[in-house]
């Protein structure tokens, strides 16, 4: 029964992440077609994360009280509808509002889905189950950029929004028809957020996740522009580059999830973070497709290590403090980092230059690693 439930949820998450992956590489160019500057691109990307940061803790906590199923179904339905509204955008303001609304739908689906998986994960296998969850997520995310590159190369960019809506609808239908209810981990306490955030381990994870996401925002929003302007790649090549990168995450998350269940999760998180920040800082030095591909593959390896170990730690915390609340805070850290990274990167690109977007994000992430190590050392 547990395997059947997980399979349904994984397929729903795959459909949603495929839709998100379709739009990610095209959004900077779509925004530029309206005359958006680097700052506006950062704002448009950040609007998605602002709504996620505002709504994820609330949705996770509510799902602890009222169950997971209906939240997932409603979130997927909204995700499907909002995907169509990109076609009607005519200005940067329109795109910003649409991204904010789309972020609300994502804020419902992401933490509640993770909490659902956390509910079903046996003790001692938190990393393995979360690794499988993210494997499906990144398989969808990996297929998205390639598909969007193909659409942009041979059709109209608006078609990508229709496809995104269609695959989100698949996730909605699957969950509506087959997903049973889950009311949380038995014996978990539904503690206030203030208590959860006073947990030393949660504080350390929040800081690492936030600073890591600053780098993720810089990478997602500006690597397409860097690859196009600095190296001369076309949309299809950029889509292939991102597809290969996220496919690596999908391949590695399962094995690293099992490794994190057997070894020191803190050491693994630090090791993966160091790999990520070094590769991020070296991106401006690349001048060919192969060089850039090599760096992003190493970065993907580090990311798989970090994600599997930190989600395993968060799942363990969720058993005591409420899985939905914990996953809400865990994902809010990412949203905060994406917000800060998107806005700051836009200003840095317009004020100093594109290369410094990656240098600055790398430095911020390194500071987060140091703070994470210091916090966990005290526990």
Protein backbone atom coordinates (compact mmCIF):
# COMPACT_ATOMS: atom_id res chain seq x y z
CA UNK A 1 0.00 0.00 0.00
CA UNK A 2 2.80 2.41 0.93
CA UNK A 3 4.53 1.81 -2.41
CA UNK A 4 1.31 2.40 -4.36
CA UNK A 5 0.68 5.70 -2.56
CA UNK A 6 4.26 6.85 -3.18
CA UNK A 7 4.03 5.94 -6.87
CA UNK A 8 0.88 8.05 -7.33
CA UNK A 9 2.42 11.01 -5.56
CA UNK A 10 5.72 10.65 -7.44
CA UNK A 11 3.89 10.65 -10.78
CA UNK A 12 1.95 13.77 -9.78
CA UNK A 13 5.14 15.53 -8.73
CA UNK A 14 6.82 14.47 -11.97
CA UNK A 15 4.04 16.03 -14.03
CA UNK A 16 4.27 19.31 -12.10
CA UNK A 17 8.07 19.53 -12.24
CA UNK A 18 8.01 18.80 -15.97
CA UNK A 19 5.77 21.81 -16.42
CA UNK A 20 8.04 24.01 -14.31
CA UNK A 21 11.14 22.79 -16.15
CA UNK A 22 9.57 23.72 -19.47
CA UNK A 23 9.29 27.39 -18.57
CA UNK A 24 12.51 27.91 -16.59
CA UNK A 25 14.98 28.34 -19.51
CA UNK A 26 12.56 30.43 -21.61
CA UNK A 27 11.33 32.90 -18.99
CA UNK A 28 14.39 35.23 -19.16
CA UNK A 29 14.05 35.52 -22.94
CA UNK A 30 10.26 35.88 -22.72
CA UNK A 31 10.74 38.71 -20.21
CA UNK A 32 13.37 40.35 -22.42
CA UNK A 33 10.86 40.34 -25.30
CA UNK A 34 8.86 42.85 -23.20
CA UNK A 35 12.01 44.95 -22.71
CA UNK A 36 12.80 43.64 -19.23
CA UNK A 37 16.19 44.61 -17.79
CA UNK A 38 18.31 42.42 -15.53
CA UNK A 39 16.60 43.93 -12.49
CA UNK A 40 13.16 43.15 -13.91
CA UNK A 41 14.20 39.57 -14.69
CA UNK A 42 15.26 39.25 -11.07
CA UNK A 43 11.93 40.71 -9.90
CA UNK A 44 9.91 38.38 -12.14
CA UNK A 45 11.78 35.33 -10.85
CA UNK A 46 11.54 36.61 -7.29
CA UNK A 47 7.76 37.10 -7.44
CA UNK A 48 7.38 33.32 -7.60
CA UNK A 49 9.54 32.86 -4.52
CA UNK A 50 7.91 35.70 -2.55
CA UNK A 51 4.52 34.00 -2.68
CA UNK A 52 6.13 30.66 -1.88
CA UNK A 53 7.88 32.15 1.15
CA UNK A 54 4.63 33.70 2.38
CA UNK A 55 2.36 30.69 1.90
CA UNK A 56 4.46 27.52 2.32
CA UNK A 57 4.72 27.51 6.13
CA UNK A 58 0.98 28.15 6.40
CA UNK A 59 0.06 25.41 3.94
CA UNK A 60 2.37 22.89 5.54
CA UNK A 61 0.97 23.59 8.99
CA UNK A 62 -2.65 23.44 7.79
CA UNK A 63 -1.98 20.07 6.18
CA UNK A 64 -0.77 18.79 9.56
CA UNK A 65 -4.20 19.64 10.93
CA UNK A 66 -6.56 18.79 8.08
CA UNK A 67 -4.74 16.19 5.97
CA UNK A 68 -2.63 16.35 2.82
CA UNK A 69 -4.81 15.15 -0.07
CA UNK A 70 -7.12 18.12 -0.65
CA UNK A 71 -4.27 20.60 -0.46
CA UNK A 72 -2.32 18.72 -3.14
CA UNK A 73 -5.39 18.51 -5.40
CA UNK A 74 -6.23 22.22 -5.03
CA UNK A 75 -2.60 23.23 -5.58
CA UNK A 76 -2.29 21.19 -8.76
CA UNK A 77 -5.58 22.59 -10.09
CA UNK A 78 -4.40 26.18 -9.53
CA UNK A 79 -1.02 25.33 -11.03
CA UNK A 80 -2.77 24.11 -14.20
CA UNK A 81 -4.96 27.22 -14.53
CA UNK A 82 -2.22 29.77 -13.80
CA UNK A 83 0.07 28.14 -16.39
CA UNK A 84 -2.27 29.35 -19.13
CA UNK A 85 -2.15 32.98 -18.01
CA UNK A 86 1.45 33.48 -19.21
CA UNK A 87 0.09 33.67 -22.76
CA UNK A 88 -1.87 36.80 -21.86
CA UNK A 89 1.13 38.68 -20.41
CA UNK A 90 2.06 41.88 -22.24
CA UNK A 91 4.32 43.70 -19.78
CA UNK A 92 6.83 43.01 -17.03
CA UNK A 93 4.07 43.84 -14.53
CA UNK A 94 1.82 41.14 -15.98
CA UNK A 95 4.57 38.53 -15.74
CA UNK A 96 5.35 39.52 -12.16
CA UNK A 97 1.70 39.13 -11.10
CA UNK A 98 1.39 35.80 -12.92
CA UNK A 99 4.57 34.49 -11.33
CA UNK A 100 3.27 35.51 -7.89
CA UNK A 101 0.01 33.63 -8.48
CA UNK A 102 1.88 30.61 -9.83
CA UNK A 103 4.05 30.64 -6.71
CA UNK A 104 0.94 30.34 -4.53
CA UNK A 105 -0.02 27.13 -6.33
CA UNK A 106 3.52 25.81 -5.92
CA UNK A 107 3.47 26.79 -2.23
CA UNK A 108 0.52 24.47 -1.72
CA UNK A 109 1.90 21.48 -3.63
CA UNK A 110 5.60 21.37 -2.67
CA UNK A 111 5.69 21.28 1.15
CA UNK A 112 2.53 19.18 1.43
CA UNK A 113 3.86 16.61 -1.06
CA UNK A 114 7.14 16.42 0.83
CA UNK A 115 5.26 16.06 4.11
CA UNK A 116 3.21 13.23 2.58
CA UNK A 117 6.42 11.39 1.64
CA UNK A 118 7.82 12.07 5.10
CA UNK A 119 4.70 10.50 6.61
CA UNK A 120 5.28 7.28 4.67
CA UNK A 121 9.09 7.06 5.12
CA UNK A 122 10.20 4.36 7.62
CA UNK A 123 12.63 5.40 10.35
CA UNK A 124 16.20 5.15 9.15
CA UNK A 125 15.17 5.51 5.49
CA UNK A 126 14.38 9.23 5.40
CA UNK A 127 17.17 9.99 2.95
CA UNK A 128 16.20 7.13 0.64
CA UNK A 129 12.54 8.13 0.43
CA UNK A 130 13.26 11.84 -0.01
CA UNK A 131 15.91 10.93 -2.58
CA UNK A 132 13.31 9.01 -4.60
CA UNK A 133 10.88 11.93 -4.28
CA UNK A 134 13.44 14.36 -5.67
CA UNK A 135 14.48 11.84 -8.33
CA UNK A 136 11.01 12.04 -9.87
CA UNK A 137 11.00 15.80 -9.42
CA UNK A 138 14.27 16.27 -11.27
CA UNK A 139 13.48 13.76 -14.01
CA UNK A 140 10.53 15.98 -14.84
CA UNK A 141 12.60 19.10 -14.39
CA UNK A 142 15.34 17.66 -16.63
CA UNK A 143 12.96 16.79 -19.44
CA UNK A 144 11.40 20.26 -19.28
CA UNK A 145 14.32 22.38 -20.56
CA UNK A 146 14.95 20.06 -23.50
CA UNK A 147 11.28 20.12 -24.41
CA UNK A 148 11.11 23.91 -24.06
CA UNK A 149 14.24 24.31 -26.19
CA UNK A 150 12.66 22.16 -28.88
CA UNK A 151 9.43 24.19 -28.71
CA UNK A 152 11.27 27.52 -28.90
CA UNK A 153 13.44 26.33 -31.78
CA UNK A 154 10.69 24.94 -34.00
CA UNK A 155 7.38 26.40 -32.78
CA UNK A 156 6.17 29.44 -30.82
CA UNK A 157 7.27 30.11 -27.25
CA UNK A 158 3.62 30.38 -26.17
CA UNK A 159 3.21 26.67 -26.85
CA UNK A 160 5.42 25.93 -23.84
CA UNK A 161 2.76 27.44 -21.55
CA UNK A 162 0.05 25.22 -23.02
CA UNK A 163 2.26 22.16 -22.49
CA UNK A 164 3.02 23.28 -18.93
CA UNK A 165 -0.69 23.55 -18.21
CA UNK A 166 -1.39 20.15 -19.74
CA UNK A 167 1.21 18.29 -17.68
CA UNK A 168 0.07 20.07 -14.52
CA UNK A 169 -3.43 18.86 -15.34
CA UNK A 170 -2.13 15.30 -15.51
CA UNK A 171 -0.84 15.60 -11.95
CA UNK A 172 -4.18 17.04 -10.85
CA UNK A 173 -6.17 14.18 -12.38
CA UNK A 174 -3.87 11.50 -10.96
CA UNK A 175 -4.13 12.92 -7.46
CA UNK A 176 -7.88 13.47 -7.68
CA UNK A 177 -8.56 9.90 -8.78
CA UNK A 178 -5.99 7.85 -6.91
CA UNK A 179 -4.33 9.69 -4.00
CA UNK A 180 -5.63 8.64 -0.54
CA UNK A 181 -5.59 10.85 2.53
CA UNK A 182 -2.67 11.20 4.94
CA UNK A 183 -3.08 12.87 8.33
CA UNK A 184 0.57 13.10 9.31
CA UNK A 185 3.15 11.11 11.20
CA UNK A 186 1.64 9.34 14.19
CA UNK A 187 2.74 10.95 17.45
CA UNK A 188 4.11 14.14 15.91
CA UNK A 189 3.52 17.38 17.80
CA UNK A 190 1.92 20.31 15.97
CA UNK A 191 4.23 22.88 17.55
CA UNK A 192 4.23 26.65 16.83
CA UNK A 193 6.71 27.98 14.27
CA UNK A 194 8.53 29.85 17.02
CA UNK A 195 9.36 26.55 18.72
CA UNK A 196 10.39 24.93 15.45
CA UNK A 197 12.71 27.80 14.56
CA UNK A 198 14.37 27.62 17.99
CA UNK A 199 15.56 24.11 17.18
CA UNK A 200 19.32 24.43 16.55
CA UNK A 201 19.37 21.87 13.75
CA UNK A 202 16.47 23.59 11.99
CA UNK A 203 18.24 26.94 12.26
CA UNK A 204 21.39 25.48 10.71
CA UNK A 205 19.45 23.84 7.87
CA UNK A 206 17.49 27.04 7.25
CA UNK A 207 20.68 29.08 6.87
CA UNK A 208 22.38 26.57 4.58
CA UNK A 209 19.25 26.14 2.48
CA UNK A 210 18.79 29.91 2.17
CA UNK A 211 22.35 30.69 1.08
CA UNK A 212 22.39 27.69 -1.27
CA UNK A 213 19.23 29.01 -2.91
CA UNK A 214 20.86 32.38 -3.55
CA UNK A 215 23.20 30.47 -5.84
CA UNK A 216 20.32 28.47 -7.33
CA UNK A 217 18.52 31.72 -8.21
CA UNK A 218 21.63 33.15 -9.85
CA UNK A 219 22.13 29.94 -11.80
CA UNK A 220 18.54 29.48 -12.95
CA UNK A 221 17.83 33.09 -13.89
CA UNK A 222 21.15 34.01 -15.50
CA UNK A 223 22.87 30.88 -16.81
CA UNK A 224 20.68 30.96 -19.96
CA UNK A 225 21.80 34.55 -20.62
CA UNK A 226 25.44 33.73 -19.84
CA UNK A 227 25.40 30.69 -22.12
CA UNK A 228 23.82 32.69 -24.93
CA UNK A 229 25.81 35.92 -24.70
CA UNK A 230 29.22 34.68 -23.50
CA UNK A 231 29.47 31.28 -25.19
CA UNK A 232 27.02 31.65 -28.06
CA UNK A 233 24.70 28.72 -27.32
CA UNK A 234 21.22 28.65 -28.85
CA UNK A 235 17.96 27.82 -27.03
CA UNK A 236 18.14 24.12 -27.88
CA UNK A 237 21.73 23.82 -26.62
CA UNK A 238 20.83 25.65 -23.41
CA UNK A 239 17.88 23.31 -22.95
CA UNK A 240 20.15 20.30 -23.47
CA UNK A 241 22.67 21.68 -20.95
CA UNK A 242 20.03 22.10 -18.25
CA UNK A 243 18.41 18.77 -19.08
CA UNK A 244 21.71 16.94 -18.60
CA UNK A 245 22.33 18.83 -15.36
CA UNK A 246 18.98 17.99 -13.77
CA UNK A 247 19.10 14.42 -15.04
CA UNK A 248 22.31 14.03 -13.05
CA UNK A 249 20.42 15.16 -9.96
CA UNK A 250 17.73 12.58 -10.69
CA UNK A 251 20.27 9.79 -11.11
CA UNK A 252 22.34 10.63 -8.04
CA UNK A 253 19.66 11.52 -5.48
CA UNK A 254 18.63 7.91 -4.92
CA UNK A 255 22.14 6.59 -4.15
CA UNK A 256 23.09 9.65 -2.09
CA UNK A 257 19.82 9.37 -0.17
CA UNK A 258 20.76 5.84 0.89
CA UNK A 259 24.30 7.01 1.70
CA UNK A 260 22.97 9.82 3.90
CA UNK A 261 20.94 7.27 5.90
CA UNK A 262 24.14 5.39 6.76
CA UNK A 263 26.70 8.19 7.20
CA UNK A 264 27.10 11.58 8.85
CA UNK A 265 24.54 13.87 7.22
CA UNK A 266 26.23 17.06 8.38
CA UNK A 267 29.59 16.13 6.83
CA UNK A 268 27.86 15.16 3.59
CA UNK A 269 25.94 18.45 3.49
CA UNK A 270 29.16 20.42 3.91
CA UNK A 271 31.00 18.38 1.27
CA UNK A 272 28.24 18.82 -1.30
CA UNK A 273 27.94 22.54 -0.51
CA UNK A 274 31.66 23.13 -1.06
CA UNK A 275 31.46 21.43 -4.47
CA UNK A 276 28.50 23.59 -5.44
CA UNK A 277 29.98 26.91 -4.39
CA UNK A 278 33.33 26.28 -6.08
CA UNK A 279 31.67 25.37 -9.38
CA UNK A 280 29.37 28.38 -9.20
CA UNK A 281 32.33 30.73 -8.78
CA UNK A 282 34.17 29.18 -11.72
CA UNK A 283 31.33 29.56 -14.24
CA UNK A 284 32.46 33.01 -15.50
CA UNK A 285 35.86 31.50 -16.46
CA UNK A 286 34.31 29.07 -18.96
CA UNK A 287 34.34 29.79 -22.69
CA UNK A 288 32.98 26.60 -24.26
CA UNK A 289 30.01 24.27 -24.00
CA UNK A 290 32.15 21.40 -22.68
CA UNK A 291 33.76 23.53 -19.95
CA UNK A 292 30.39 24.82 -18.80
CA UNK A 293 28.90 21.33 -18.93
CA UNK A 294 31.75 19.94 -16.80
CA UNK A 295 31.19 22.54 -14.11
CA UNK A 296 27.44 22.16 -13.95
CA UNK A 297 27.76 18.37 -13.75
CA UNK A 298 30.10 18.65 -10.75
CA UNK A 299 27.74 21.22 -9.29
CA UNK A 300 24.83 18.81 -9.80
CA UNK A 301 26.74 16.10 -7.93
CA UNK A 302 27.29 18.44 -5.01
CA UNK A 303 23.65 19.50 -5.11
CA UNK A 304 22.46 15.89 -4.94
CA UNK A 305 24.62 15.34 -1.86
CA UNK A 306 23.33 18.48 -0.13
CA UNK A 307 19.69 17.90 -0.94
CA UNK A 308 19.60 14.26 0.12
CA UNK A 309 21.34 14.92 3.44
CA UNK A 310 19.45 18.09 4.43
CA UNK A 311 16.01 16.67 3.54
CA UNK A 312 16.82 13.58 5.60
CA UNK A 313 17.70 15.84 8.55
CA UNK A 314 14.49 17.85 8.05
CA UNK A 315 12.39 14.67 7.91
CA UNK A 316 13.83 13.54 11.25
CA UNK A 317 12.95 16.93 12.75
CA UNK A 318 9.44 16.69 11.26
CA UNK A 319 8.73 13.50 13.20
CA UNK A 320 8.86 15.56 16.40
CA UNK A 321 7.57 18.97 15.29
CA UNK A 322 5.03 18.18 12.54
CA UNK A 323 6.04 17.11 9.06
CA UNK A 324 4.00 19.71 7.21
CA UNK A 325 5.26 22.59 9.35
CA UNK A 326 8.86 21.41 9.04
CA UNK A 327 8.70 21.00 5.27
CA UNK A 328 6.99 24.37 5.01
CA UNK A 329 9.88 26.05 6.83
CA UNK A 330 12.44 23.98 4.91
CA UNK A 331 11.02 25.12 1.59
CA UNK A 332 10.52 28.68 2.81
CA UNK A 333 14.29 28.85 3.31
CA UNK A 334 14.69 28.06 -0.37
CA UNK A 335 12.11 30.70 -1.29
CA UNK A 336 13.86 33.35 0.81
CA UNK A 337 17.19 32.52 -0.82
CA UNK A 338 15.64 32.55 -4.29
CA UNK A 339 14.10 35.94 -3.55
CA UNK A 340 17.34 37.46 -2.28
CA UNK A 341 19.36 35.82 -5.03
CA UNK A 342 17.03 36.87 -7.83
CA UNK A 343 16.85 40.52 -6.77
CA UNK A 344 20.52 40.94 -5.89
CA UNK A 345 21.66 39.16 -9.05
CA UNK A 346 19.58 41.47 -11.20
CA UNK A 347 21.12 44.57 -9.60
CA UNK A 348 24.61 43.08 -9.84
CA UNK A 349 24.18 42.26 -13.54
CA UNK A 350 22.98 45.78 -14.39
CA UNK A 351 25.46 47.55 -12.11
CA UNK A 352 28.70 45.54 -12.36
CA UNK A 353 28.32 42.82 -14.95
CA UNK A 354 27.01 39.31 -15.54
CA UNK A 355 30.15 37.52 -14.32
CA UNK A 356 29.85 39.05 -10.86
CA UNK A 357 26.41 37.50 -10.40
CA UNK A 358 28.11 34.10 -10.03
CA UNK A 359 31.04 35.40 -7.96
CA UNK A 360 28.73 37.06 -5.43
CA UNK A 361 26.43 34.05 -5.13
CA UNK A 362 29.43 31.79 -4.53
CA UNK A 363 30.71 33.98 -1.69
CA UNK A 364 27.29 34.14 -0.01
CA UNK A 365 26.93 30.36 -0.20
CA UNK A 366 30.40 29.85 1.33
CA UNK A 367 29.39 32.05 4.26
CA UNK A 368 26.32 29.88 4.74
CA UNK A 369 28.46 26.74 4.84
CA UNK A 370 30.61 28.21 7.60
CA UNK A 371 27.58 29.25 9.66
CA UNK A 372 25.94 25.84 9.14
CA UNK A 373 29.09 24.05 10.37
CA UNK A 374 29.31 26.36 13.40
CA UNK A 375 25.67 25.79 14.38
CA UNK A 376 25.81 22.02 13.99
CA UNK A 377 29.08 21.85 15.91
CA UNK A 378 27.34 23.38 18.93
CA UNK A 379 24.49 20.82 18.96
